[in-house]
Amino acid sequence: PEMGFYFENHRDLVWFDSRENLLDLTAYYLKHDTERKKIAENGQKIAANVFSYERLLKKIIDTALTEG
């Protein structure tokens, strides 16, 4: 459920809701290299920023100080 908070479907990441949808999306993106690569690049940038060690460590420390 949190995926939509960080990523936009078909822009930063691609998710599916059924086996048929998975197969259709796989076939589509195998034929559209440029689009597939751009989505991968966007997703990697977001993941590196949002889930970086420094950012997560700060969040853990802040949470521990607030709750402790």
C-alpha atoms as a PDB file:
ATOM      1  CA  PRO A   1       0.000   0.000   0.000  1.00  0.00           C
ATOM      2  CA  GLU A   2       2.886   2.412   0.652  1.00  0.00           C
ATOM      3  CA  MET A   3       4.286   2.097  -2.866  1.00  0.00           C
ATOM      4  CA  GLY A   4       2.050   4.863  -4.168  1.00  0.00           C
ATOM      5  CA  PHE A   5       3.361   7.189  -1.490  1.00  0.00           C
ATOM      6  CA  TYR A   6       6.922   7.001  -2.843  1.00  0.00           C
ATOM      7  CA  PHE A   7       6.536   5.961  -6.471  1.00  0.00           C
ATOM      8  CA  GLU A   8       4.217   6.800  -9.329  1.00  0.00           C
ATOM      9  CA  ASN A   9       3.046   3.773 -11.300  1.00  0.00           C
ATOM     10  CA  HIS A  10       4.449   3.680 -14.859  1.00  0.00           C
ATOM     11  CA  ARG A  11       6.747   6.642 -14.102  1.00  0.00           C
ATOM     12  CA  ASP A  12       9.034   5.411 -11.315  1.00  0.00           C
ATOM     13  CA  LEU A  13       7.976   1.805 -10.983  1.00  0.00           C
ATOM     14  CA  VAL A  14       5.458  -0.561 -12.547  1.00  0.00           C
ATOM     15  CA  TRP A  15       3.160  -2.758 -10.537  1.00  0.00           C
ATOM     16  CA  PHE A  16       0.446  -5.178 -11.575  1.00  0.00           C
ATOM     17  CA  ASP A  17      -2.798  -6.505 -10.126  1.00  0.00           C
ATOM     18  CA  SER A  18      -3.207  -9.850 -11.838  1.00  0.00           C
ATOM     19  CA  ARG A  19      -1.262 -12.516 -13.665  1.00  0.00           C
ATOM     20  CA  GLU A  20      -2.702 -11.379 -16.981  1.00  0.00           C
ATOM     21  CA  ASN A  21      -1.769  -7.771 -16.263  1.00  0.00           C
ATOM     22  CA  LEU A  22       1.774  -8.901 -15.418  1.00  0.00           C
ATOM     23  CA  LEU A  23       2.102 -10.736 -18.717  1.00  0.00           C
ATOM     24  CA  ASP A  24       0.711  -7.792 -20.692  1.00  0.00           C
ATOM     25  CA  LEU A  25       3.023  -5.306 -18.974  1.00  0.00           C
ATOM     26  CA  THR A  26       6.023  -7.581 -19.453  1.00  0.00           C
ATOM     27  CA  ALA A  27       5.342  -7.883 -23.170  1.00  0.00           C
ATOM     28  CA  TYR A  28       4.811  -4.127 -23.479  1.00  0.00           C
ATOM     29  CA  TYR A  29       7.979  -3.072 -21.681  1.00  0.00           C
ATOM     30  CA  LEU A  30      10.114  -5.655 -23.464  1.00  0.00           C
ATOM     31  CA  LYS A  31       9.154  -3.877 -26.696  1.00  0.00           C
ATOM     32  CA  HIS A  32       9.674  -0.349 -25.295  1.00  0.00           C
ATOM     33  CA  ASP A  33      13.297  -0.205 -24.154  1.00  0.00           C
ATOM     34  CA  THR A  34      13.580   3.560 -23.791  1.00  0.00           C
ATOM     35  CA  GLU A  35      10.466   3.830 -21.653  1.00  0.00           C
ATOM     36  CA  ARG A  36      11.503   0.836 -19.533  1.00  0.00           C
ATOM     37  CA  LYS A  37      14.966   2.285 -18.935  1.00  0.00           C
ATOM     38  CA  LYS A  38      13.567   5.693 -17.977  1.00  0.00           C
ATOM     39  CA  ILE A  39      11.215   4.108 -15.432  1.00  0.00           C
ATOM     40  CA  ALA A  40      14.114   2.131 -13.966  1.00  0.00           C
ATOM     41  CA  GLU A  41      16.230   5.291 -13.751  1.00  0.00           C
ATOM     42  CA  ASN A  42      13.433   7.252 -12.058  1.00  0.00           C
ATOM     43  CA  GLY A  43      12.814   4.459  -9.552  1.00  0.00           C
ATOM     44  CA  GLN A  44      16.501   4.108  -8.717  1.00  0.00           C
ATOM     45  CA  LYS A  45      16.813   7.837  -8.036  1.00  0.00           C
ATOM     46  CA  ILE A  46      13.832   7.833  -5.702  1.00  0.00           C
ATOM     47  CA  ALA A  47      14.949   4.686  -3.892  1.00  0.00           C
ATOM     48  CA  ALA A  48      18.472   6.060  -3.426  1.00  0.00           C
ATOM     49  CA  ASN A  49      17.082   9.299  -2.002  1.00  0.00           C
ATOM     50  CA  VAL A  50      14.160   8.101   0.102  1.00  0.00           C
ATOM     51  CA  PHE A  51      15.759   4.916   1.397  1.00  0.00           C
ATOM     52  CA  SER A  52      19.349   6.093   1.803  1.00  0.00           C
ATOM     53  CA  TYR A  53      21.268   4.904   4.857  1.00  0.00           C
ATOM     54  CA  GLU A  54      21.640   8.466   6.132  1.00  0.00           C
ATOM     55  CA  ARG A  55      17.946   9.262   5.829  1.00  0.00           C
ATOM     56  CA  LEU A  56      16.778   6.008   7.412  1.00  0.00           C
ATOM     57  CA  LEU A  57      19.305   6.274  10.251  1.00  0.00           C
ATOM     58  CA  LYS A  58      18.126   9.810  11.020  1.00  0.00           C
ATOM     59  CA  LYS A  59      14.516   8.606  11.060  1.00  0.00           C
ATOM     60  CA  ILE A  60      15.399   5.759  13.435  1.00  0.00           C
ATOM     61  CA  ILE A  61      17.290   8.082  15.768  1.00  0.00           C
ATOM     62  CA  ASP A  62      14.555  10.725  15.713  1.00  0.00           C
ATOM     63  CA  THR A  63      11.922   8.093  16.473  1.00  0.00           C
ATOM     64  CA  ALA A  64      13.981   6.621  19.318  1.00  0.00           C
ATOM     65  CA  LEU A  65      14.535  10.065  20.868  1.00  0.00           C
ATOM     66  CA  THR A  66      10.865  10.981  20.558  1.00  0.00           C
ATOM     67  CA  GLU A  67       9.579   7.709  22.014  1.00  0.00           C
ATOM     68  CA  GLY A  68      12.362   7.129  24.521  1.00  0.00           C
END
